[in-house]
Protein backbone atom coordinates (compact mmCIF):
# COMPACT_ATOMS: atom_id res chain seq x y z
CA MET A 1 0.00 0.00 0.00
CA ASP A 2 1.29 3.44 -0.95
CA THR A 3 0.27 5.99 1.68
CA ARG A 4 0.24 8.67 -1.02
CA PHE A 5 -2.79 6.91 -2.46
CA LEU A 6 -4.55 7.14 0.89
CA ASP A 7 -3.60 10.81 1.06
CA SER A 8 -5.25 11.34 -2.33
CA LEU A 9 -8.40 9.51 -1.21
CA ILE A 10 -8.61 11.75 1.87
CA ALA A 11 -8.17 14.82 -0.34
CA VAL A 12 -11.01 13.72 -2.63
CA VAL A 13 -13.36 13.16 0.31
CA GLU A 14 -12.50 16.50 1.91
CA ASN A 15 -12.76 18.47 -1.34
CA GLY A 16 -15.80 16.64 -2.63
CA SER A 17 -14.34 16.15 -6.09
CA ILE A 18 -11.45 14.51 -7.88
CA ALA A 19 -10.70 17.69 -9.84
CA GLN A 20 -10.31 19.83 -6.71
CA ALA A 21 -8.20 17.17 -5.00
CA ALA A 22 -5.96 17.05 -8.07
CA ARG A 23 -5.41 20.81 -7.93
CA GLN A 24 -4.60 20.62 -4.21
CA GLN A 25 -2.07 17.80 -4.73
CA HIS A 26 -0.62 19.21 -7.97
CA LEU A 27 -1.61 16.10 -9.94
CA THR A 28 -3.91 15.43 -12.86
CA PRO A 29 -7.47 14.18 -12.24
CA ALA A 30 -6.52 11.03 -14.15
CA ALA A 31 -3.65 10.36 -11.73
CA ILE A 32 -5.94 10.81 -8.73
CA GLY A 33 -8.50 8.50 -10.34
CA GLN A 34 -5.86 5.83 -10.89
CA ARG A 35 -4.81 6.03 -7.25
CA ILE A 36 -8.41 5.55 -6.09
CA GLN A 37 -8.88 2.62 -8.46
CA SER A 38 -5.70 1.02 -7.13
CA LEU A 39 -7.01 1.28 -3.56
CA GLU A 40 -10.38 -0.14 -4.60
CA ARG A 41 -8.66 -3.14 -6.20
CA GLU A 42 -6.47 -3.65 -3.15
CA TYR A 43 -9.34 -3.58 -0.64
CA GLY A 44 -11.97 -5.11 -2.90
CA VAL A 45 -14.59 -2.43 -2.22
CA ALA A 46 -15.88 0.68 -3.92
CA LEU A 47 -14.61 3.79 -2.12
CA LEU A 48 -16.32 6.61 -4.01
CA ASN A 49 -19.70 7.20 -5.61
CA ARG A 50 -19.55 9.61 -8.55
CA GLN A 51 -22.48 12.04 -8.65
CA GLY A 52 -21.91 14.34 -11.60
CA HIS A 53 -18.79 16.33 -10.81
CA ARG A 54 -18.88 15.31 -7.16
CA ALA A 55 -17.30 12.32 -5.46
CA VAL A 56 -19.03 11.01 -2.33
CA PRO A 57 -17.46 8.43 0.01
CA THR A 58 -19.13 5.04 0.26
CA GLU A 59 -19.94 3.49 3.63
CA ALA A 60 -16.76 1.40 3.37
CA CYS A 61 -14.71 4.51 2.70
CA THR A 62 -16.28 6.36 5.63
CA ARG A 63 -15.43 3.47 7.98
CA MET A 64 -11.76 3.41 6.94
CA LEU A 65 -11.16 7.20 6.87
CA PRO A 66 -10.17 7.68 10.55
CA ARG A 67 -7.53 4.96 10.36
CA ALA A 68 -6.39 6.17 6.92
CA ARG A 69 -5.78 9.63 8.36
CA ARG A 70 -3.72 8.17 11.18
CA VAL A 71 -1.69 6.05 8.75
CA VAL A 72 -0.93 9.06 6.56
CA ALA A 73 0.02 11.17 9.58
CA GLU A 74 2.37 8.48 10.89
CA SER A 75 3.95 7.96 7.48
CA ARG A 76 5.04 11.59 7.45
CA LEU A 77 7.17 10.88 10.52
CA LEU A 78 9.03 7.94 9.01
CA ALA A 79 11.47 10.05 7.02
CA ALA A 80 12.57 11.86 10.17
CA ASP A 81 12.99 8.55 11.99
CA SER A 82 15.10 7.16 9.15
CA GLN A 83 17.42 10.18 9.36
CA GLY A 84 18.00 9.50 13.05
CA THR A 85 17.25 13.12 13.89
CA ASP A 86 14.19 15.08 14.96
CA LEU A 87 15.16 17.81 12.49
CA GLY A 88 15.00 15.64 9.38
CA GLY A 89 12.25 14.34 7.12
CA ARG A 90 9.22 16.18 5.77
CA PHE A 91 7.54 19.05 7.55
CA ASN A 92 4.60 20.99 6.15
CA VAL A 93 3.94 24.51 7.41
CA GLY A 94 0.98 26.57 6.22
CA ALA A 95 1.15 30.35 5.87
CA ILE A 96 -1.12 33.25 5.02
CA SER A 97 -0.10 35.36 2.04
CA THR A 98 1.65 38.17 3.95
CA ALA A 99 3.66 35.63 5.97
CA LEU A 100 4.91 34.00 2.77
CA THR A 101 6.96 37.09 1.91
CA GLY A 102 7.26 38.98 5.19
CA ILE A 103 7.97 36.26 7.78
CA LEU A 104 8.91 32.90 6.26
CA PRO A 105 11.99 33.73 4.13
CA LYS A 106 14.21 34.21 7.20
CA VAL A 107 12.90 30.99 8.74
CA VAL A 108 13.44 28.98 5.56
CA ARG A 109 17.01 30.28 5.31
CA ALA A 110 17.77 29.37 8.93
CA LEU A 111 16.28 25.89 8.60
CA SER A 112 18.24 25.20 5.42
CA GLU A 113 21.46 26.11 7.23
CA HIS A 114 20.80 24.35 10.56
CA SER A 115 18.66 21.41 9.43
CA PRO A 116 19.84 20.37 5.94
CA THR A 117 18.00 17.01 6.10
CA LEU A 118 14.65 18.71 6.71
CA ALA A 119 12.38 18.76 3.65
CA LEU A 120 10.16 21.80 4.21
CA THR A 121 6.86 22.13 2.35
CA ILE A 122 4.96 25.44 2.50
CA THR A 123 1.19 25.44 1.99
CA PRO A 124 -0.45 28.82 1.29
CA GLY A 125 -3.98 29.54 2.43
CA THR A 126 -6.29 31.68 4.51
CA SER A 127 -6.20 31.51 8.29
CA ARG A 128 -9.50 29.66 8.35
CA SER A 129 -8.47 27.10 5.71
CA LEU A 130 -5.08 26.50 7.35
CA ILE A 131 -6.65 25.78 10.74
CA ALA A 132 -8.88 23.27 8.94
CA ASP A 133 -5.74 21.75 7.39
CA LEU A 134 -4.27 21.39 10.89
CA GLU A 135 -7.43 19.68 12.12
CA GLN A 136 -7.19 17.15 9.28
CA ASN A 137 -3.42 16.60 9.78
CA ARG A 138 -2.65 17.89 6.27
CA ILE A 139 -0.06 20.27 7.70
CA ASP A 140 2.13 20.23 10.82
CA ALA A 141 1.89 23.92 11.81
CA ALA A 142 0.55 27.20 10.43
CA ILE A 143 1.31 30.91 10.53
CA VAL A 144 -2.13 32.54 10.71
CA VAL A 145 -4.16 35.46 12.00
CA LEU A 146 -5.62 34.55 15.37
CA PRO A 147 -9.43 34.71 15.45
CA ASN A 148 -11.27 36.88 17.97
CA TYR A 149 -12.28 33.76 19.88
CA PRO A 150 -10.10 31.18 21.69
CA LEU A 151 -8.77 28.27 19.67
CA SER A 152 -9.51 24.75 20.86
CA ASP A 153 -7.48 23.53 23.84
CA GLU A 154 -5.73 21.03 21.57
CA TYR A 155 -3.80 23.86 19.88
CA GLU A 156 -1.00 26.09 21.04
CA ALA A 157 -0.39 29.53 19.56
CA HIS A 158 3.06 31.14 19.63
CA LEU A 159 2.57 34.88 19.10
CA ILE A 160 4.85 36.29 16.39
CA ARG A 161 3.71 39.89 15.94
CA ARG A 162 0.90 42.38 16.55
CA GLU A 163 -0.03 44.36 13.46
CA LYS A 164 -1.53 47.76 14.14
CA LEU A 165 -4.59 48.76 12.08
CA LEU A 166 -3.84 51.52 9.56
CA CYS A 167 -5.98 53.89 7.56
CA VAL A 168 -4.41 54.14 4.10
CA SER A 169 -5.27 56.54 1.29
CA LYS A 170 -3.56 58.07 -1.73
CA ARG A 171 -1.02 60.70 -0.70
CA SER A 172 -2.42 64.24 -0.68
CA ARG A 173 -1.55 67.64 0.74
CA SER A 174 -4.56 67.77 3.03
CA LYS A 175 -4.21 65.73 6.22
CA LEU A 176 -7.68 64.75 7.36
CA PRO A 177 -8.65 62.77 10.49
CA VAL A 178 -9.01 59.04 9.93
CA ASN A 179 -12.79 59.01 10.08
CA GLU A 180 -13.03 61.88 7.58
CA VAL A 181 -10.76 60.01 5.17
CA LEU A 182 -12.98 56.94 5.38
CA ILE A 183 -16.20 58.89 4.85
CA GLN A 184 -14.97 61.17 2.05
CA ASN A 185 -13.47 58.37 -0.07
CA PRO A 186 -14.91 55.19 -1.53
CA TYR A 187 -14.08 52.39 0.88
CA ILE A 188 -12.03 49.40 -0.32
CA ALA A 189 -12.96 46.83 2.32
CA TYR A 190 -10.69 44.15 3.72
CA ASP A 191 -13.07 41.16 3.59
CA LYS A 192 -14.93 41.16 6.91
CA SER A 193 -15.47 37.38 6.73
CA SER A 194 -11.71 36.94 7.20
CA TRP A 195 -10.34 37.04 10.74
CA GLY A 196 -8.18 40.08 9.98
CA GLY A 197 -10.93 41.87 8.07
CA ALA A 198 -13.29 41.41 11.00
CA LEU A 199 -11.05 43.75 13.04
CA ALA A 200 -11.28 46.52 10.45
CA HIS A 201 -15.06 46.04 10.29
CA ALA A 202 -15.24 46.22 14.10
CA TYR A 203 -13.55 49.63 13.98
CA LEU A 204 -16.17 50.93 11.55
CA LEU A 205 -18.98 49.61 13.75
CA ASP A 206 -17.46 51.08 16.92
CA GLN A 207 -17.10 54.47 15.22
CA SER A 208 -20.61 54.26 13.70
CA LEU A 209 -19.08 54.72 10.24
CA ARG A 210 -20.87 53.60 7.10
CA PRO A 211 -18.52 54.40 4.23
CA SER A 212 -19.53 53.84 0.63
CA VAL A 213 -18.02 50.43 -0.21
CA LEU A 214 -16.35 50.25 -3.62
CA CYS A 215 -15.40 46.57 -3.30
CA GLU A 216 -14.49 43.95 -0.70
CA LEU A 217 -11.62 41.49 -0.99
CA ASP A 218 -9.19 39.42 1.05
CA ALA A 219 -5.97 40.42 -0.73
CA LEU A 220 -3.99 43.10 1.08
CA GLU A 221 -1.46 43.80 -1.68
CA ALA A 222 -4.28 44.20 -4.19
CA ILE A 223 -6.07 46.65 -1.88
CA VAL A 224 -2.91 48.75 -1.61
CA LYS A 225 -2.66 48.82 -5.40
CA LEU A 226 -6.25 50.10 -5.68
CA VAL A 227 -5.54 52.78 -3.09
CA GLU A 228 -2.38 53.84 -4.96
CA GLU A 229 -4.49 54.23 -8.10
CA GLY A 230 -6.71 56.69 -6.23
CA MET A 231 -9.71 54.35 -6.15
CA GLY A 232 -10.41 54.90 -2.46
CA ALA A 233 -9.24 54.43 1.13
CA SER A 234 -8.98 51.35 3.30
CA LEU A 235 -8.27 49.94 6.75
CA LEU A 236 -5.41 47.44 6.68
CA PRO A 237 -3.04 45.76 9.16
CA GLN A 238 0.61 46.84 9.23
CA TRP A 239 1.85 43.48 7.98
CA ALA A 240 5.50 42.47 7.73
CA GLY A 241 6.78 44.03 4.53
CA PHE A 242 4.15 46.81 4.35
CA HIS A 243 6.84 49.48 4.76
CA GLU A 244 8.33 48.39 1.43
CA ILE A 245 5.19 49.30 -0.54
CA GLN A 246 3.79 52.32 1.32
CA ASP A 247 5.41 55.01 -0.87
CA GLY A 248 2.73 57.21 -2.35
CA LEU A 249 0.31 56.54 0.51
CA ASP A 250 -0.92 58.54 3.45
CA VAL A 251 -0.81 56.18 6.42
CA ALA A 252 -2.52 56.91 9.74
CA PRO A 253 -2.19 54.34 12.55
CA ILE A 254 -5.12 53.46 14.81
CA GLU A 255 -3.54 53.05 18.22
CA GLU A 256 -6.19 50.96 20.00
CA GLN A 257 -4.71 47.49 20.45
CA ARG A 258 -8.08 45.74 20.20
CA TYR A 259 -8.01 46.37 16.43
CA ALA A 260 -4.50 44.98 15.98
CA ARG A 261 -4.11 41.76 13.99
CA LYS A 262 -2.28 39.03 15.93
CA ILE A 263 -0.07 36.70 13.87
CA ALA A 264 0.87 33.40 15.48
CA LEU A 265 2.44 30.04 14.78
CA VAL A 266 -0.29 27.52 15.60
CA PHE A 267 0.30 23.80 16.20
CA ARG A 268 -1.17 20.91 18.16
CA ASP A 269 -0.08 20.77 21.79
CA ASN A 270 0.86 17.10 21.29
CA ALA A 271 2.59 17.69 17.95
CA PRO A 272 5.03 14.84 17.18
CA ARG A 273 7.54 17.17 15.50
CA MET A 274 8.16 19.57 18.37
CA ALA A 275 11.88 19.76 17.60
CA VAL A 276 11.08 21.32 14.20
CA ILE A 277 8.41 23.57 15.66
CA ASN A 278 10.83 24.81 18.33
CA GLU A 279 13.44 25.49 15.65
CA ILE A 280 10.87 27.55 13.72
CA LYS A 281 9.87 29.41 16.90
CA ASN A 282 13.51 30.23 17.63
CA ASN A 283 13.72 31.99 14.26
CA LEU A 284 10.49 33.94 14.60
CA ALA A 285 11.24 37.20 16.35
CA ILE A 286 8.26 38.60 18.25
CA GLU A 287 7.47 42.16 17.16
């Protein structure tokens, strides 16, 4: 049995389709289909029911999924065991988009120098999707925005940085108060359904502001580009690397800490790869 085939089966079940699982695993749908067929031949049962473009697990598949997840999780530890070191083998860390460029490069460099046998995989995603990946053991740790509610007791969160909320607008000669800037310009909203965007939305609610929304998106760099083009103003966190792209902008910080975005390394409190997690923590300076 190839545990990669089980991993593909789990991906199909969680995504609800072979096509989406293929995109997630960087394979073709045909390759995923062949892996499922191989498992079905090996176990002598049908594992998926095809319903149009969807793939639904059979009863047999549902019964074997918990053990399959454990097998896949354990298989990821074998490479480290074979190296005879806790800092070897595969390790998958998830990261939100701003962490990919503003936080992780230094960590990757340090790990490559101190742990040359470690094969690091980086999975991009939103904070919400990465926490779901942790729950399903698809990744070993994640750099995410902390939600405004406590995480489950099974997780630990190592705080990396607090990112002050900023009001950003196209540079002008007139310096208006933050609330005036937000009311007098179209508002480019940081998606309030995201954990970071919810903080910006909370500020508007607390200030009883109802700006005219031009658009809403969860892509901070894209929002900055729209602001630079004079399309409107926005409320954004001061993410790592923001200082490199703020030329041409008027930036006004909002000092209240309750609107600050908290970035943390999140992992299970019983994580089997604590040596790697500790090495990552040691290279994440708290700001």
